[in-house]
Amino acid sequence: MDAGSSDLADGRIVTDVRDLEQSIRHALMTRPGSCPLSPERGLDLSAFRDRPSGVRHLFLGAAMRACLERDVPRVVVDSLTADFSGFEKVVVTIAWRPRADVAEAFVTTEVTIDV
């Protein structure tokens, strides 16, 4: 399961772990207020632009963790790092795992029978 696979970006429906990866991406890339039925959903990155560069990643990391706990409760975040590339780009590396009860639900069986 390649995290950069095209099925995460081209709008196709994904399942299992890829669904969780997609949910993480959506949660962090959604601006608060852009989802009419869940206006609190998402992360406001503009709030961190004026923070001192030496501590900005700490504030952003805490906000991202809170966002993921609220918006993607099916995952447990083990670690999260934010690397700033100037003022316009943040590269986030997240080590996560499905919650145990969610992982147990990832059972799919497909049987093809020749008739």
C-alpha atoms as a PDB file:
ATOM      1  CA  MET A   1       0.000   0.000   0.000  1.00  0.00           C
ATOM      2  CA  ASP A   2       1.925   2.964  -1.276  1.00  0.00           C
ATOM      3  CA  ALA A   3       0.938   6.174   0.498  1.00  0.00           C
ATOM      4  CA  GLY A   4       1.578   8.079  -2.717  1.00  0.00           C
ATOM      5  CA  SER A   5      -0.579   5.838  -4.866  1.00  0.00           C
ATOM      6  CA  SER A   6      -2.810   7.586  -7.349  1.00  0.00           C
ATOM      7  CA  ASP A   7      -6.030   6.157  -5.926  1.00  0.00           C
ATOM      8  CA  LEU A   8      -5.602   8.513  -2.954  1.00  0.00           C
ATOM      9  CA  ALA A   9      -5.630  11.572  -5.177  1.00  0.00           C
ATOM     10  CA  ASP A  10      -7.846  10.814  -8.151  1.00  0.00           C
ATOM     11  CA  GLY A  11     -11.181  10.547  -6.348  1.00  0.00           C
ATOM     12  CA  ARG A  12     -11.627   6.769  -6.408  1.00  0.00           C
ATOM     13  CA  ILE A  13     -13.075   5.081  -3.346  1.00  0.00           C
ATOM     14  CA  VAL A  14     -10.402   3.530  -1.166  1.00  0.00           C
ATOM     15  CA  THR A  15     -10.735   0.910   1.539  1.00  0.00           C
ATOM     16  CA  ASP A  16      -8.963  -0.434   4.605  1.00  0.00           C
ATOM     17  CA  VAL A  17      -5.710   1.321   5.561  1.00  0.00           C
ATOM     18  CA  ARG A  18      -5.832   3.520   2.466  1.00  0.00           C
ATOM     19  CA  ASP A  19      -9.167   4.870   3.692  1.00  0.00           C
ATOM     20  CA  LEU A  20      -7.511   5.859   6.962  1.00  0.00           C
ATOM     21  CA  GLU A  21      -4.586   7.485   5.114  1.00  0.00           C
ATOM     22  CA  GLN A  22      -7.053   9.460   3.050  1.00  0.00           C
ATOM     23  CA  SER A  23      -8.972  10.506   6.172  1.00  0.00           C
ATOM     24  CA  ILE A  24      -5.745  11.771   7.762  1.00  0.00           C
ATOM     25  CA  ARG A  25      -4.903  13.801   4.650  1.00  0.00           C
ATOM     26  CA  HIS A  26      -8.406  15.241   4.431  1.00  0.00           C
ATOM     27  CA  ALA A  27      -8.475  16.209   8.109  1.00  0.00           C
ATOM     28  CA  LEU A  28      -5.163  18.077   7.942  1.00  0.00           C
ATOM     29  CA  MET A  29      -5.835  19.731   4.584  1.00  0.00           C
ATOM     30  CA  THR A  30      -9.386  20.898   5.348  1.00  0.00           C
ATOM     31  CA  ARG A  31      -9.838  24.490   6.455  1.00  0.00           C
ATOM     32  CA  PRO A  32     -12.224  24.984   9.381  1.00  0.00           C
ATOM     33  CA  GLY A  33     -15.608  26.187   8.210  1.00  0.00           C
ATOM     34  CA  SER A  34     -15.369  24.598   4.762  1.00  0.00           C
ATOM     35  CA  CYS A  35     -17.586  21.629   5.718  1.00  0.00           C
ATOM     36  CA  PRO A  36     -21.084  23.043   6.313  1.00  0.00           C
ATOM     37  CA  LEU A  37     -22.228  20.087   8.422  1.00  0.00           C
ATOM     38  CA  SER A  38     -18.997  20.003  10.481  1.00  0.00           C
ATOM     39  CA  PRO A  39     -17.659  23.564  10.615  1.00  0.00           C
ATOM     40  CA  GLU A  40     -15.132  22.683  13.346  1.00  0.00           C
ATOM     41  CA  ARG A  41     -13.528  20.006  11.146  1.00  0.00           C
ATOM     42  CA  GLY A  42     -10.031  20.703   9.862  1.00  0.00           C
ATOM     43  CA  LEU A  43      -6.912  22.678  10.723  1.00  0.00           C
ATOM     44  CA  ASP A  44      -6.195  26.393  10.474  1.00  0.00           C
ATOM     45  CA  LEU A  45      -2.542  26.596   9.424  1.00  0.00           C
ATOM     46  CA  SER A  46      -2.618  30.386   9.127  1.00  0.00           C
ATOM     47  CA  ALA A  47      -2.637  30.619  12.935  1.00  0.00           C
ATOM     48  CA  PHE A  48       0.987  29.396  12.969  1.00  0.00           C
ATOM     49  CA  ARG A  49       2.566  31.724  10.406  1.00  0.00           C
ATOM     50  CA  ASP A  50       3.630  34.359  12.924  1.00  0.00           C
ATOM     51  CA  ARG A  51       4.966  31.979  15.561  1.00  0.00           C
ATOM     52  CA  PRO A  52       8.733  32.063  16.132  1.00  0.00           C
ATOM     53  CA  SER A  53      10.395  29.515  13.841  1.00  0.00           C
ATOM     54  CA  GLY A  54      12.104  27.778  16.755  1.00  0.00           C
ATOM     55  CA  VAL A  55       8.821  26.800  18.420  1.00  0.00           C
ATOM     56  CA  ARG A  56       6.328  26.921  15.560  1.00  0.00           C
ATOM     57  CA  HIS A  57       6.584  23.181  14.954  1.00  0.00           C
ATOM     58  CA  LEU A  58       5.588  22.486  18.581  1.00  0.00           C
ATOM     59  CA  PHE A  59       2.377  24.512  18.318  1.00  0.00           C
ATOM     60  CA  LEU A  60       1.576  23.062  14.904  1.00  0.00           C
ATOM     61  CA  GLY A  61       2.256  19.500  16.063  1.00  0.00           C
ATOM     62  CA  ALA A  62      -0.091  19.908  19.026  1.00  0.00           C
ATOM     63  CA  ALA A  63      -2.819  21.360  16.792  1.00  0.00           C
ATOM     64  CA  MET A  64      -2.398  18.533  14.263  1.00  0.00           C
ATOM     65  CA  ARG A  65      -2.641  15.889  16.978  1.00  0.00           C
ATOM     66  CA  ALA A  66      -5.804  17.519  18.325  1.00  0.00           C
ATOM     67  CA  CYS A  67      -7.242  17.699  14.802  1.00  0.00           C
ATOM     68  CA  LEU A  68      -6.553  14.016  14.141  1.00  0.00           C
ATOM     69  CA  GLU A  69      -7.954  12.932  17.516  1.00  0.00           C
ATOM     70  CA  ARG A  70     -11.146  14.872  16.803  1.00  0.00           C
ATOM     71  CA  ASP A  71     -11.576  14.197  13.068  1.00  0.00           C
ATOM     72  CA  VAL A  72     -10.031  10.729  12.607  1.00  0.00           C
ATOM     73  CA  PRO A  73     -10.832   8.791  15.783  1.00  0.00           C
ATOM     74  CA  ARG A  74     -10.164   5.476  14.022  1.00  0.00           C
ATOM     75  CA  VAL A  75      -6.371   6.016  14.253  1.00  0.00           C
ATOM     76  CA  VAL A  76      -3.795   6.324  17.028  1.00  0.00           C
ATOM     77  CA  VAL A  77      -0.987   8.795  16.286  1.00  0.00           C
ATOM     78  CA  ASP A  78       2.350   7.519  17.605  1.00  0.00           C
ATOM     79  CA  SER A  79       4.510  10.412  16.393  1.00  0.00           C
ATOM     80  CA  LEU A  80       4.150  13.496  14.267  1.00  0.00           C
ATOM     81  CA  THR A  81       6.807  15.838  12.866  1.00  0.00           C
ATOM     82  CA  ALA A  82       6.369  19.000  10.844  1.00  0.00           C
ATOM     83  CA  ASP A  83       9.099  20.278   8.531  1.00  0.00           C
ATOM     84  CA  PHE A  84       8.629  23.817   7.272  1.00  0.00           C
ATOM     85  CA  SER A  85       9.810  24.640   3.760  1.00  0.00           C
ATOM     86  CA  GLY A  86       9.646  28.412   3.931  1.00  0.00           C
ATOM     87  CA  PHE A  87       6.317  30.031   4.785  1.00  0.00           C
ATOM     88  CA  GLU A  88       4.160  28.314   2.189  1.00  0.00           C
ATOM     89  CA  LYS A  89       4.707  24.598   2.693  1.00  0.00           C
ATOM     90  CA  VAL A  90       4.723  22.161   5.594  1.00  0.00           C
ATOM     91  CA  VAL A  91       5.731  18.532   5.167  1.00  0.00           C
ATOM     92  CA  VAL A  92       4.187  16.408   7.905  1.00  0.00           C
ATOM     93  CA  THR A  93       5.359  12.894   8.723  1.00  0.00           C
ATOM     94  CA  ILE A  94       2.911  10.910  10.822  1.00  0.00           C
ATOM     95  CA  ALA A  95       3.523   7.493  12.350  1.00  0.00           C
ATOM     96  CA  TRP A  96       0.092   6.042  13.080  1.00  0.00           C
ATOM     97  CA  ARG A  97      -1.810   2.817  13.394  1.00  0.00           C
ATOM     98  CA  PRO A  98      -5.462   1.833  13.244  1.00  0.00           C
ATOM     99  CA  ARG A  99      -7.129   1.497  16.610  1.00  0.00           C
ATOM    100  CA  ALA A 100      -7.354  -2.165  17.571  1.00  0.00           C
ATOM    101  CA  ASP A 101     -11.121  -2.372  17.137  1.00  0.00           C
ATOM    102  CA  VAL A 102     -10.844  -0.749  13.703  1.00  0.00           C
ATOM    103  CA  ALA A 103      -8.059  -3.076  12.551  1.00  0.00           C
ATOM    104  CA  GLU A 104     -10.184  -6.045  13.514  1.00  0.00           C
ATOM    105  CA  ALA A 105     -12.849  -4.804  11.104  1.00  0.00           C
ATOM    106  CA  PHE A 106     -10.471  -4.917   8.119  1.00  0.00           C
ATOM    107  CA  VAL A 107     -11.464  -8.391   7.057  1.00  0.00           C
ATOM    108  CA  THR A 108     -12.479  -8.744   3.435  1.00  0.00           C
ATOM    109  CA  THR A 109     -13.053 -11.955   1.592  1.00  0.00           C
ATOM    110  CA  GLU A 110     -13.554 -12.128  -2.137  1.00  0.00           C
ATOM    111  CA  VAL A 111     -14.385 -15.401  -3.785  1.00  0.00           C
ATOM    112  CA  THR A 112     -14.483 -15.821  -7.559  1.00  0.00           C
ATOM    113  CA  ILE A 113     -16.378 -18.883  -8.671  1.00  0.00           C
ATOM    114  CA  ASP A 114     -16.329 -20.087 -12.240  1.00  0.00           C
ATOM    115  CA  VAL A 115     -19.818 -21.030 -13.393  1.00  0.00           C
END
